[in-house]
N, C-alpha and C. Protein backbone atom coordinates (compact mmCIF):
# COMPACT_ATOMS: atom_id res chain seq x y z
N MET A 1 53.93 39.01 151.86
CA MET A 1 54.63 39.12 150.58
C MET A 1 54.88 40.58 150.27
N SER A 2 56.04 40.88 149.73
CA SER A 2 56.40 42.25 149.41
C SER A 2 55.52 42.82 148.32
N ALA A 3 55.36 44.15 148.34
CA ALA A 3 54.62 44.83 147.29
C ALA A 3 55.34 44.72 145.95
N LEU A 4 56.58 44.27 145.98
CA LEU A 4 57.32 44.10 144.74
C LEU A 4 56.65 43.08 143.83
N PHE A 5 55.92 42.15 144.42
CA PHE A 5 55.19 41.14 143.65
C PHE A 5 53.70 41.31 143.95
N PRO A 6 53.04 42.33 143.38
CA PRO A 6 51.68 42.70 143.80
C PRO A 6 50.59 41.75 143.34
N ILE A 7 49.70 41.45 144.26
CA ILE A 7 48.43 40.77 144.00
C ILE A 7 48.60 39.61 142.99
N LEU A 8 49.54 38.75 143.27
CA LEU A 8 49.88 37.69 142.32
C LEU A 8 48.69 36.81 141.97
N LEU A 9 47.93 36.44 142.97
CA LEU A 9 46.88 35.47 142.72
C LEU A 9 45.63 36.08 142.09
N LEU A 10 45.61 37.41 142.00
CA LEU A 10 44.48 38.07 141.36
C LEU A 10 44.84 38.59 139.98
N ALA A 11 46.05 38.27 139.53
CA ALA A 11 46.51 38.77 138.25
C ALA A 11 45.68 38.20 137.11
N VAL A 12 45.41 39.05 136.10
CA VAL A 12 44.66 38.61 134.94
C VAL A 12 45.51 37.69 134.08
N THR A 13 46.78 38.00 133.95
CA THR A 13 47.68 37.18 133.15
C THR A 13 48.26 36.06 134.01
N PRO A 14 48.65 34.95 133.40
CA PRO A 14 49.21 33.83 134.17
C PRO A 14 50.50 34.22 134.88
N ILE A 15 50.74 33.56 135.99
CA ILE A 15 52.00 33.72 136.72
C ILE A 15 53.06 32.90 136.01
N HIS A 16 54.27 33.45 135.95
CA HIS A 16 55.38 32.76 135.30
C HIS A 16 56.38 32.29 136.35
N LEU A 17 56.84 31.05 136.18
CA LEU A 17 57.91 30.52 137.00
C LEU A 17 59.21 30.62 136.21
N ALA A 18 60.34 30.63 136.91
CA ALA A 18 61.62 30.77 136.22
C ALA A 18 62.62 29.74 136.71
N ARG A 19 63.42 29.25 135.79
CA ARG A 19 64.53 28.36 136.12
C ARG A 19 65.80 29.20 136.19
N LEU A 20 66.60 28.94 137.21
CA LEU A 20 67.82 29.71 137.42
C LEU A 20 69.00 29.07 136.71
N GLN A 21 69.65 29.85 135.86
CA GLN A 21 70.90 29.46 135.22
C GLN A 21 72.05 29.98 136.07
N TYR A 22 72.94 29.09 136.47
CA TYR A 22 74.03 29.49 137.35
C TYR A 22 75.36 28.95 136.82
N GLY A 23 76.46 29.47 137.32
CA GLY A 23 77.77 29.03 136.90
C GLY A 23 78.29 27.92 137.79
N GLY A 24 79.44 27.36 137.38
CA GLY A 24 80.11 26.39 138.23
C GLY A 24 80.15 24.97 137.69
N GLY A 25 79.51 24.70 136.58
CA GLY A 25 79.60 23.37 136.01
C GLY A 25 78.43 22.47 136.28
N GLY A 26 77.48 22.90 137.11
CA GLY A 26 76.29 22.10 137.33
C GLY A 26 75.36 22.18 136.14
N ASP A 27 74.66 21.10 135.84
CA ASP A 27 73.75 21.11 134.69
C ASP A 27 72.40 21.69 135.08
N TRP A 28 72.38 23.00 135.21
CA TRP A 28 71.18 23.73 135.61
C TRP A 28 70.00 23.48 134.66
N TYR A 29 70.29 23.04 133.44
CA TYR A 29 69.32 22.93 132.37
C TYR A 29 68.66 21.56 132.29
N ASN A 30 69.03 20.62 133.15
CA ASN A 30 68.54 19.25 132.96
C ASN A 30 67.02 19.15 133.11
N ASP A 31 66.43 18.19 132.39
CA ASP A 31 64.98 17.97 132.37
C ASP A 31 64.22 19.27 132.09
N PRO A 32 64.41 19.85 130.89
CA PRO A 32 63.80 21.15 130.61
C PRO A 32 62.28 21.17 130.61
N ASP A 33 61.64 19.99 130.51
CA ASP A 33 60.18 19.95 130.53
C ASP A 33 59.60 19.89 131.94
N ALA A 34 60.45 19.76 132.95
CA ALA A 34 59.95 19.55 134.31
C ALA A 34 59.08 20.71 134.79
N LEU A 35 59.58 21.92 134.70
CA LEU A 35 58.84 23.07 135.22
C LEU A 35 57.57 23.35 134.41
N PRO A 36 57.61 23.29 133.07
CA PRO A 36 56.35 23.43 132.31
C PRO A 36 55.32 22.38 132.67
N ASN A 37 55.76 21.14 132.89
CA ASN A 37 54.81 20.09 133.28
C ASN A 37 54.17 20.39 134.63
N LEU A 38 54.97 20.87 135.57
CA LEU A 38 54.42 21.23 136.88
C LEU A 38 53.44 22.39 136.74
N ALA A 39 53.79 23.37 135.93
CA ALA A 39 52.90 24.52 135.72
C ALA A 39 51.54 24.07 135.21
N ALA A 40 51.53 23.13 134.28
CA ALA A 40 50.27 22.62 133.73
C ALA A 40 49.44 21.94 134.81
N VAL A 41 50.09 21.17 135.67
CA VAL A 41 49.38 20.48 136.75
C VAL A 41 48.77 21.48 137.73
N ILE A 42 49.53 22.50 138.10
CA ILE A 42 49.01 23.51 139.03
C ILE A 42 47.78 24.19 138.44
N SER A 43 47.84 24.56 137.17
CA SER A 43 46.71 25.23 136.53
C SER A 43 45.49 24.33 136.45
N GLU A 44 45.71 23.03 136.25
CA GLU A 44 44.59 22.08 136.16
C GLU A 44 43.92 21.83 137.51
N ARG A 45 44.73 21.83 138.58
CA ARG A 45 44.21 21.37 139.87
C ARG A 45 43.86 22.49 140.84
N THR A 46 44.27 23.71 140.57
CA THR A 46 44.02 24.81 141.48
C THR A 46 43.42 25.98 140.72
N THR A 47 43.12 27.05 141.44
CA THR A 47 42.60 28.26 140.80
C THR A 47 43.71 29.19 140.37
N VAL A 48 44.94 28.80 140.59
CA VAL A 48 46.10 29.61 140.19
C VAL A 48 46.52 29.21 138.79
N VAL A 49 46.59 30.17 137.90
CA VAL A 49 46.96 29.89 136.50
C VAL A 49 48.45 30.18 136.34
N ILE A 50 49.20 29.15 135.96
CA ILE A 50 50.63 29.26 135.78
C ILE A 50 50.97 29.07 134.31
N SER A 51 51.74 29.96 133.75
CA SER A 51 52.16 29.83 132.36
C SER A 51 53.04 28.59 132.19
N GLU A 52 52.82 27.85 131.10
CA GLU A 52 53.65 26.69 130.81
C GLU A 52 54.93 27.07 130.07
N GLU A 53 55.09 28.34 129.81
CA GLU A 53 56.31 28.82 129.16
C GLU A 53 57.37 29.07 130.23
N GLN A 54 58.42 28.28 130.22
CA GLN A 54 59.48 28.43 131.22
C GLN A 54 60.42 29.56 130.84
N LYS A 55 60.69 30.43 131.79
CA LYS A 55 61.66 31.49 131.61
C LYS A 55 62.98 31.05 132.25
N VAL A 56 64.07 31.21 131.54
CA VAL A 56 65.40 30.93 132.08
C VAL A 56 66.06 32.27 132.42
N LEU A 57 66.49 32.40 133.66
CA LEU A 57 67.07 33.65 134.14
C LEU A 57 68.43 33.42 134.77
N THR A 58 69.31 34.40 134.67
CA THR A 58 70.48 34.48 135.53
C THR A 58 70.14 35.48 136.63
N LEU A 59 70.93 35.48 137.68
CA LEU A 59 70.67 36.42 138.77
C LEU A 59 70.98 37.86 138.38
N SER A 60 71.64 38.06 137.26
CA SER A 60 71.93 39.41 136.78
C SER A 60 70.84 39.93 135.85
N ASP A 61 69.87 39.09 135.52
CA ASP A 61 68.83 39.48 134.57
C ASP A 61 67.98 40.61 135.13
N ARG A 62 67.72 41.60 134.29
CA ARG A 62 66.90 42.74 134.72
C ARG A 62 65.46 42.35 135.01
N GLU A 63 65.01 41.22 134.45
CA GLU A 63 63.63 40.78 134.65
C GLU A 63 63.46 39.95 135.92
N LEU A 64 64.49 39.77 136.70
CA LEU A 64 64.45 38.88 137.86
C LEU A 64 63.24 39.13 138.75
N TYR A 65 62.95 40.39 139.02
CA TYR A 65 61.90 40.72 139.98
C TYR A 65 60.49 40.53 139.42
N ASN A 66 60.39 40.17 138.15
CA ASN A 66 59.08 39.87 137.57
C ASN A 66 58.63 38.44 137.85
N TYR A 67 59.52 37.65 138.46
CA TYR A 67 59.26 36.23 138.67
C TYR A 67 59.29 35.91 140.16
N PRO A 68 58.14 35.59 140.75
CA PRO A 68 58.07 35.40 142.20
C PRO A 68 58.71 34.12 142.70
N VAL A 69 58.88 33.13 141.81
CA VAL A 69 59.44 31.84 142.23
C VAL A 69 60.58 31.46 141.28
N LEU A 70 61.74 31.21 141.85
CA LEU A 70 62.89 30.70 141.11
C LEU A 70 63.09 29.23 141.45
N PHE A 71 63.38 28.44 140.42
CA PHE A 71 63.66 27.02 140.60
C PHE A 71 65.07 26.73 140.11
N MET A 72 65.80 25.92 140.88
CA MET A 72 67.12 25.50 140.41
C MET A 72 67.36 24.05 140.79
N THR A 73 68.13 23.37 139.94
CA THR A 73 68.48 21.98 140.19
C THR A 73 69.80 21.70 139.50
N GLY A 74 70.29 20.48 139.62
CA GLY A 74 71.52 20.11 138.95
C GLY A 74 72.27 19.02 139.68
N HIS A 75 73.31 18.52 139.00
CA HIS A 75 74.13 17.44 139.54
C HIS A 75 75.52 17.91 139.97
N GLY A 76 75.86 19.15 139.69
CA GLY A 76 77.25 19.58 139.90
C GLY A 76 77.38 20.85 140.72
N ARG A 77 78.55 21.45 140.63
CA ARG A 77 78.91 22.57 141.48
C ARG A 77 78.12 23.83 141.14
N VAL A 78 77.72 24.54 142.19
CA VAL A 78 77.02 25.82 142.06
C VAL A 78 77.98 26.94 142.44
N VAL A 79 78.10 27.95 141.56
CA VAL A 79 78.97 29.09 141.84
C VAL A 79 78.23 30.37 141.49
N PHE A 80 78.15 31.30 142.45
CA PHE A 80 77.62 32.63 142.22
C PHE A 80 78.75 33.63 142.32
N SER A 81 78.68 34.69 141.51
CA SER A 81 79.61 35.81 141.68
C SER A 81 79.12 36.66 142.85
N GLU A 82 79.96 37.57 143.30
CA GLU A 82 79.55 38.44 144.40
C GLU A 82 78.34 39.29 143.99
N GLN A 83 78.32 39.75 142.75
CA GLN A 83 77.18 40.52 142.28
C GLN A 83 75.91 39.67 142.28
N GLU A 84 76.04 38.41 141.87
CA GLU A 84 74.88 37.52 141.87
C GLU A 84 74.39 37.23 143.28
N ARG A 85 75.31 37.09 144.22
CA ARG A 85 74.91 36.90 145.62
C ARG A 85 74.11 38.09 146.12
N GLU A 86 74.57 39.28 145.79
CA GLU A 86 73.87 40.48 146.23
C GLU A 86 72.47 40.55 145.61
N ARG A 87 72.37 40.20 144.34
CA ARG A 87 71.07 40.23 143.66
C ARG A 87 70.11 39.21 144.25
N LEU A 88 70.59 38.00 144.52
CA LEU A 88 69.73 36.98 145.11
C LEU A 88 69.30 37.39 146.51
N ARG A 89 70.22 37.94 147.27
CA ARG A 89 69.89 38.40 148.62
C ARG A 89 68.77 39.43 148.57
N GLU A 90 68.88 40.40 147.67
CA GLU A 90 67.87 41.45 147.57
C GLU A 90 66.55 40.89 147.05
N TYR A 91 66.63 39.99 146.09
CA TYR A 91 65.42 39.35 145.55
C TYR A 91 64.64 38.64 146.66
N LEU A 92 65.34 37.89 147.49
CA LEU A 92 64.68 37.16 148.57
C LEU A 92 64.13 38.12 149.62
N ARG A 93 64.87 39.16 149.92
CA ARG A 93 64.41 40.12 150.93
C ARG A 93 63.21 40.93 150.45
N GLN A 94 63.07 41.06 149.13
CA GLN A 94 61.97 41.84 148.58
C GLN A 94 60.74 41.00 148.27
N GLY A 95 60.75 39.72 148.65
CA GLY A 95 59.55 38.91 148.50
C GLY A 95 59.69 37.71 147.60
N GLY A 96 60.84 37.53 146.97
CA GLY A 96 61.04 36.38 146.09
C GLY A 96 61.25 35.09 146.87
N PHE A 97 61.15 33.98 146.16
CA PHE A 97 61.27 32.66 146.78
C PHE A 97 62.12 31.78 145.87
N LEU A 98 63.04 31.02 146.47
CA LEU A 98 63.90 30.10 145.73
C LEU A 98 63.61 28.68 146.17
N TYR A 99 63.30 27.81 145.18
CA TYR A 99 63.21 26.38 145.45
C TYR A 99 64.38 25.70 144.76
N ALA A 100 65.20 25.00 145.54
CA ALA A 100 66.36 24.28 145.01
C ALA A 100 66.17 22.79 145.26
N ASP A 101 66.39 22.00 144.21
CA ASP A 101 66.22 20.55 144.30
C ASP A 101 67.53 19.88 143.92
N ASP A 102 68.19 19.27 144.87
CA ASP A 102 69.45 18.58 144.61
C ASP A 102 69.20 17.33 143.78
N ASP A 103 69.79 17.29 142.59
CA ASP A 103 69.67 16.13 141.73
C ASP A 103 70.89 15.22 141.88
N CYS A 104 71.54 15.35 143.02
CA CYS A 104 72.73 14.60 143.42
C CYS A 104 74.00 15.26 142.90
N GLY A 105 74.67 15.99 143.79
CA GLY A 105 75.95 16.58 143.44
C GLY A 105 76.10 18.06 143.75
N MET A 106 74.99 18.77 143.99
CA MET A 106 75.07 20.21 144.22
C MET A 106 75.04 20.59 145.70
N ASP A 107 74.88 19.63 146.58
CA ASP A 107 74.61 19.92 147.99
C ASP A 107 75.68 20.79 148.64
N GLU A 108 76.91 20.37 148.60
CA GLU A 108 77.96 21.08 149.32
C GLU A 108 78.15 22.50 148.80
N SER A 109 78.27 22.65 147.50
CA SER A 109 78.52 23.98 146.94
C SER A 109 77.30 24.89 147.09
N PHE A 110 76.10 24.32 146.97
CA PHE A 110 74.89 25.14 147.15
C PHE A 110 74.81 25.67 148.57
N ARG A 111 75.07 24.83 149.54
CA ARG A 111 75.05 25.28 150.94
C ARG A 111 76.09 26.37 151.18
N GLU A 112 77.26 26.20 150.59
CA GLU A 112 78.32 27.21 150.75
C GLU A 112 77.89 28.55 150.17
N GLU A 113 77.29 28.51 148.98
CA GLU A 113 76.86 29.75 148.35
C GLU A 113 75.73 30.42 149.13
N MET A 114 74.78 29.64 149.60
CA MET A 114 73.66 30.24 150.32
C MET A 114 74.11 30.82 151.66
N ALA A 115 75.14 30.27 152.25
CA ALA A 115 75.69 30.85 153.48
C ALA A 115 76.27 32.23 153.20
N ARG A 116 76.75 32.45 151.97
CA ARG A 116 77.26 33.77 151.59
C ARG A 116 76.11 34.71 151.22
N VAL A 117 75.07 34.15 150.61
CA VAL A 117 73.92 34.97 150.22
C VAL A 117 73.18 35.49 151.44
N LEU A 118 72.94 34.62 152.42
CA LEU A 118 72.20 34.99 153.63
C LEU A 118 73.07 34.66 154.84
N PRO A 119 74.08 35.49 155.11
CA PRO A 119 75.03 35.17 156.18
C PRO A 119 74.43 35.18 157.59
N ASN A 120 73.27 35.80 157.74
CA ASN A 120 72.63 35.86 159.06
C ASN A 120 71.60 34.75 159.24
N SER A 121 71.51 33.86 158.27
CA SER A 121 70.58 32.75 158.33
C SER A 121 71.37 31.45 158.14
N SER A 122 70.68 30.33 158.30
CA SER A 122 71.30 29.03 158.04
C SER A 122 70.18 28.04 157.75
N PHE A 123 70.52 26.96 157.08
CA PHE A 123 69.52 25.96 156.76
C PHE A 123 69.06 25.24 158.02
N VAL A 124 67.75 25.09 158.12
CA VAL A 124 67.15 24.30 159.20
C VAL A 124 66.23 23.28 158.56
N GLU A 125 66.19 22.08 159.12
CA GLU A 125 65.27 21.09 158.59
C GLU A 125 63.85 21.43 159.04
N LEU A 126 62.94 21.47 158.09
CA LEU A 126 61.57 21.87 158.41
C LEU A 126 60.82 20.75 159.10
N ASP A 127 60.07 21.13 160.11
CA ASP A 127 59.23 20.19 160.82
C ASP A 127 58.15 19.66 159.87
N PHE A 128 57.73 18.44 160.07
CA PHE A 128 56.75 17.83 159.18
C PHE A 128 55.38 18.51 159.25
N ASN A 129 55.14 19.31 160.27
CA ASN A 129 53.86 20.03 160.32
C ASN A 129 53.96 21.42 159.69
N HIS A 130 55.09 21.72 159.06
CA HIS A 130 55.24 23.01 158.40
C HIS A 130 54.19 23.15 157.29
N PRO A 131 53.64 24.36 157.07
CA PRO A 131 52.59 24.54 156.06
C PRO A 131 52.97 24.10 154.65
N ILE A 132 54.24 24.12 154.30
CA ILE A 132 54.63 23.72 152.95
C ILE A 132 54.27 22.25 152.69
N TYR A 133 54.12 21.47 153.76
CA TYR A 133 53.75 20.07 153.62
C TYR A 133 52.25 19.82 153.73
N HIS A 134 51.48 20.89 153.88
CA HIS A 134 50.04 20.69 154.09
C HIS A 134 49.18 21.75 153.41
N ILE A 135 49.76 22.68 152.66
CA ILE A 135 49.00 23.81 152.13
C ILE A 135 47.93 23.37 151.12
N PHE A 136 48.16 22.28 150.40
CA PHE A 136 47.17 21.77 149.45
C PHE A 136 47.05 20.25 149.58
N TYR A 137 48.18 19.58 149.52
CA TYR A 137 48.25 18.14 149.78
C TYR A 137 48.99 17.90 151.09
N ASP A 138 48.69 16.80 151.74
CA ASP A 138 49.34 16.48 153.01
C ASP A 138 50.52 15.53 152.79
N PHE A 139 51.65 15.92 153.37
CA PHE A 139 52.85 15.08 153.41
C PHE A 139 53.25 14.98 154.88
N ASP A 140 52.75 13.96 155.52
CA ASP A 140 52.91 13.85 156.97
C ASP A 140 54.32 13.47 157.40
N THR A 141 55.15 13.03 156.46
CA THR A 141 56.53 12.67 156.81
C THR A 141 57.53 13.47 155.98
N GLY A 142 57.14 14.66 155.57
CA GLY A 142 58.05 15.52 154.83
C GLY A 142 58.07 15.21 153.35
N PRO A 143 59.10 15.64 152.65
CA PRO A 143 59.13 15.49 151.19
C PRO A 143 59.16 14.03 150.76
N PRO A 144 58.56 13.72 149.63
CA PRO A 144 58.50 12.33 149.16
C PRO A 144 59.85 11.86 148.62
N GLN A 145 60.03 10.56 148.58
CA GLN A 145 61.24 9.97 148.01
C GLN A 145 60.96 9.67 146.54
N ILE A 146 61.39 10.55 145.65
CA ILE A 146 61.20 10.32 144.23
C ILE A 146 62.41 9.58 143.67
N HIS A 147 63.59 10.08 143.94
CA HIS A 147 64.82 9.36 143.62
C HIS A 147 65.71 9.33 144.86
N LYS A 148 66.24 8.18 145.18
CA LYS A 148 67.15 8.05 146.31
C LYS A 148 68.58 8.15 145.80
N HIS A 149 69.30 9.16 146.30
CA HIS A 149 70.69 9.34 145.91
C HIS A 149 71.66 8.96 147.02
N VAL A 150 71.18 8.97 148.26
CA VAL A 150 72.02 8.65 149.41
C VAL A 150 71.37 7.50 150.16
N GLU A 151 72.05 6.37 150.19
CA GLU A 151 71.50 5.21 150.88
C GLU A 151 71.45 5.44 152.39
N ASP A 152 70.50 4.79 153.04
CA ASP A 152 70.36 4.83 154.50
C ASP A 152 70.12 6.24 155.02
N GLU A 153 69.54 7.11 154.17
CA GLU A 153 69.18 8.45 154.62
C GLU A 153 67.83 8.81 154.02
N PRO A 154 66.92 9.36 154.81
CA PRO A 154 65.59 9.67 154.29
C PRO A 154 65.62 10.93 153.43
N PRO A 155 64.56 11.17 152.66
CA PRO A 155 64.43 12.45 151.96
C PRO A 155 64.27 13.56 152.99
N ARG A 156 64.88 14.72 152.72
CA ARG A 156 64.86 15.79 153.71
C ARG A 156 64.56 17.13 153.04
N GLY A 157 63.89 17.99 153.79
CA GLY A 157 63.57 19.33 153.30
C GLY A 157 64.08 20.38 154.26
N PHE A 158 64.85 21.32 153.73
CA PHE A 158 65.46 22.36 154.54
C PHE A 158 64.97 23.74 154.11
N GLY A 159 65.03 24.69 155.03
CA GLY A 159 64.63 26.04 154.71
C GLY A 159 65.59 27.06 155.26
N MET A 160 65.57 28.23 154.63
CA MET A 160 66.28 29.40 155.15
C MET A 160 65.26 30.52 155.31
N TYR A 161 65.39 31.22 156.41
CA TYR A 161 64.45 32.29 156.74
C TYR A 161 65.15 33.65 156.67
N GLU A 162 64.39 34.65 156.28
CA GLU A 162 64.87 36.03 156.28
C GLU A 162 63.73 36.90 156.77
N GLY A 163 63.96 37.62 157.86
CA GLY A 163 62.90 38.45 158.43
C GLY A 163 61.70 37.65 158.87
N GLY A 164 61.92 36.42 159.32
CA GLY A 164 60.83 35.57 159.78
C GLY A 164 60.07 34.87 158.68
N ARG A 165 60.45 35.07 157.43
CA ARG A 165 59.75 34.46 156.30
C ARG A 165 60.63 33.39 155.67
N LEU A 166 60.03 32.24 155.33
CA LEU A 166 60.76 31.20 154.61
C LEU A 166 60.99 31.69 153.19
N VAL A 167 62.26 31.86 152.81
CA VAL A 167 62.58 32.41 151.50
C VAL A 167 63.27 31.38 150.60
N VAL A 168 63.79 30.30 151.19
CA VAL A 168 64.45 29.25 150.42
C VAL A 168 63.95 27.91 150.93
N TYR A 169 63.54 27.06 150.01
CA TYR A 169 63.21 25.67 150.36
C TYR A 169 64.12 24.78 149.53
N TYR A 170 64.73 23.80 150.21
CA TYR A 170 65.75 22.96 149.57
C TYR A 170 65.48 21.50 149.87
N THR A 171 65.29 20.69 148.82
CA THR A 171 65.06 19.26 149.00
C THR A 171 66.34 18.49 148.69
N TYR A 172 66.63 17.53 149.59
CA TYR A 172 67.86 16.73 149.50
C TYR A 172 67.50 15.25 149.60
N ASN A 173 68.04 14.46 148.70
CA ASN A 173 67.75 13.02 148.66
C ASN A 173 66.25 12.76 148.49
N SER A 174 65.62 13.64 147.80
CA SER A 174 64.18 13.57 147.55
C SER A 174 63.90 13.70 146.06
N ASN A 175 64.38 14.81 145.46
CA ASN A 175 64.38 15.03 144.02
C ASN A 175 63.00 15.05 143.36
N PRO A 176 62.05 15.84 143.91
CA PRO A 176 60.73 15.92 143.28
C PRO A 176 60.76 16.29 141.81
N SER A 177 61.67 17.17 141.40
CA SER A 177 61.65 17.64 140.01
C SER A 177 61.92 16.53 139.01
N ASP A 178 62.60 15.46 139.41
CA ASP A 178 62.77 14.33 138.51
C ASP A 178 61.45 13.65 138.19
N GLY A 179 60.49 13.80 139.08
CA GLY A 179 59.17 13.22 138.84
C GLY A 179 58.27 14.09 137.99
N TRP A 180 58.69 15.33 137.71
CA TRP A 180 57.87 16.21 136.88
C TRP A 180 58.09 15.96 135.39
N THR A 181 59.08 15.15 135.06
CA THR A 181 59.35 14.81 133.67
C THR A 181 59.15 13.31 133.48
N ALA A 182 58.78 12.94 132.26
CA ALA A 182 58.61 11.51 131.95
C ALA A 182 59.94 10.85 131.59
N ALA A 183 61.00 11.65 131.54
CA ALA A 183 62.29 11.15 131.05
C ALA A 183 62.87 10.02 131.90
N HIS A 184 62.49 9.96 133.18
CA HIS A 184 63.09 8.97 134.08
C HIS A 184 62.22 7.73 134.27
N SER A 185 61.09 7.69 133.57
CA SER A 185 60.21 6.51 133.61
C SER A 185 59.79 6.13 135.01
N ASN A 186 59.52 7.13 135.85
CA ASN A 186 59.02 6.85 137.19
C ASN A 186 57.60 6.29 137.10
N PRO A 187 57.23 5.37 138.00
CA PRO A 187 55.85 4.88 138.04
C PRO A 187 54.87 6.02 138.25
N ASP A 188 53.65 5.84 137.79
CA ASP A 188 52.64 6.89 137.88
C ASP A 188 52.44 7.38 139.31
N GLN A 189 52.43 6.44 140.27
CA GLN A 189 52.18 6.85 141.65
C GLN A 189 53.34 7.67 142.22
N VAL A 190 54.55 7.42 141.73
CA VAL A 190 55.70 8.21 142.17
C VAL A 190 55.64 9.61 141.56
N ARG A 191 55.31 9.68 140.28
CA ARG A 191 55.18 10.99 139.64
C ARG A 191 54.06 11.80 140.30
N GLU A 192 52.99 11.14 140.69
CA GLU A 192 51.90 11.84 141.36
C GLU A 192 52.37 12.49 142.65
N GLN A 193 53.16 11.77 143.43
CA GLN A 193 53.70 12.34 144.66
C GLN A 193 54.61 13.52 144.36
N ALA A 194 55.39 13.42 143.30
CA ALA A 194 56.27 14.52 142.91
C ALA A 194 55.46 15.76 142.52
N PHE A 195 54.43 15.57 141.72
CA PHE A 195 53.60 16.70 141.32
C PHE A 195 52.89 17.31 142.52
N ARG A 196 52.39 16.47 143.42
CA ARG A 196 51.71 17.01 144.60
C ARG A 196 52.65 17.87 145.44
N MET A 197 53.89 17.42 145.60
CA MET A 197 54.85 18.22 146.36
C MET A 197 55.15 19.52 145.62
N GLY A 198 55.26 19.45 144.31
CA GLY A 198 55.50 20.66 143.53
C GLY A 198 54.37 21.67 143.66
N VAL A 199 53.13 21.18 143.63
CA VAL A 199 51.97 22.06 143.83
C VAL A 199 52.10 22.77 145.18
N ASN A 200 52.40 22.02 146.22
CA ASN A 200 52.54 22.61 147.55
C ASN A 200 53.63 23.68 147.59
N ILE A 201 54.77 23.39 146.99
CA ILE A 201 55.89 24.33 147.02
C ILE A 201 55.51 25.65 146.36
N VAL A 202 54.93 25.58 145.17
CA VAL A 202 54.60 26.80 144.45
C VAL A 202 53.49 27.58 145.14
N LEU A 203 52.44 26.89 145.60
CA LEU A 203 51.37 27.59 146.30
C LEU A 203 51.89 28.26 147.57
N PHE A 204 52.73 27.54 148.31
CA PHE A 204 53.30 28.15 149.52
C PHE A 204 54.10 29.39 149.16
N ALA A 205 54.92 29.29 148.13
CA ALA A 205 55.75 30.43 147.72
C ALA A 205 54.91 31.64 147.35
N LEU A 206 53.80 31.43 146.69
CA LEU A 206 52.96 32.53 146.23
C LEU A 206 52.10 33.13 147.34
N LEU A 207 51.76 32.33 148.34
CA LEU A 207 50.82 32.78 149.35
C LEU A 207 51.48 33.27 150.64
N ASN A 208 52.80 33.12 150.77
CA ASN A 208 53.45 33.48 152.02
C ASN A 208 54.52 34.53 151.81
């Protein structure tokens, strides 16, 4: 991890997670309680203290580098400006981590934008033995199926690497973040799987 995000796990104050506000018509703001709920679960179950206060950031925000993990989701088109692409590229290269969760509808545009952000990288499907699936809880078949948006296709998890480090994790046809909120009335066992995957994602992001 870059010195830009120093000694995160030894910090006296809680770590803050941030939701990314982006342009293009996608509802970046949906399920606003999802990230605070995940933060509470991480603090309860691990030794890492996460603030339940969600910060909303754009890629142009001067505070961007104060937040080691960015979360984004939505149902629609994702559009970054050239300046935003440059900022995200530098953020990732300096130690930041982006978790993107397709809530059905952002896949094509998100992939297009990330190809511009990291032109020397590309999405690869992560092997099921990747540490992100085993760092705290075990997911022997990859990301859980919280909501199915594409029939006849399993939930999938993709990553982008920069300098040998996983800097972007992207879930498709899985939608863990929908399980972090009670708004969708998911069964308890489904929400539990969603929270467990969320714990793994954040811990991996902070420790690698």
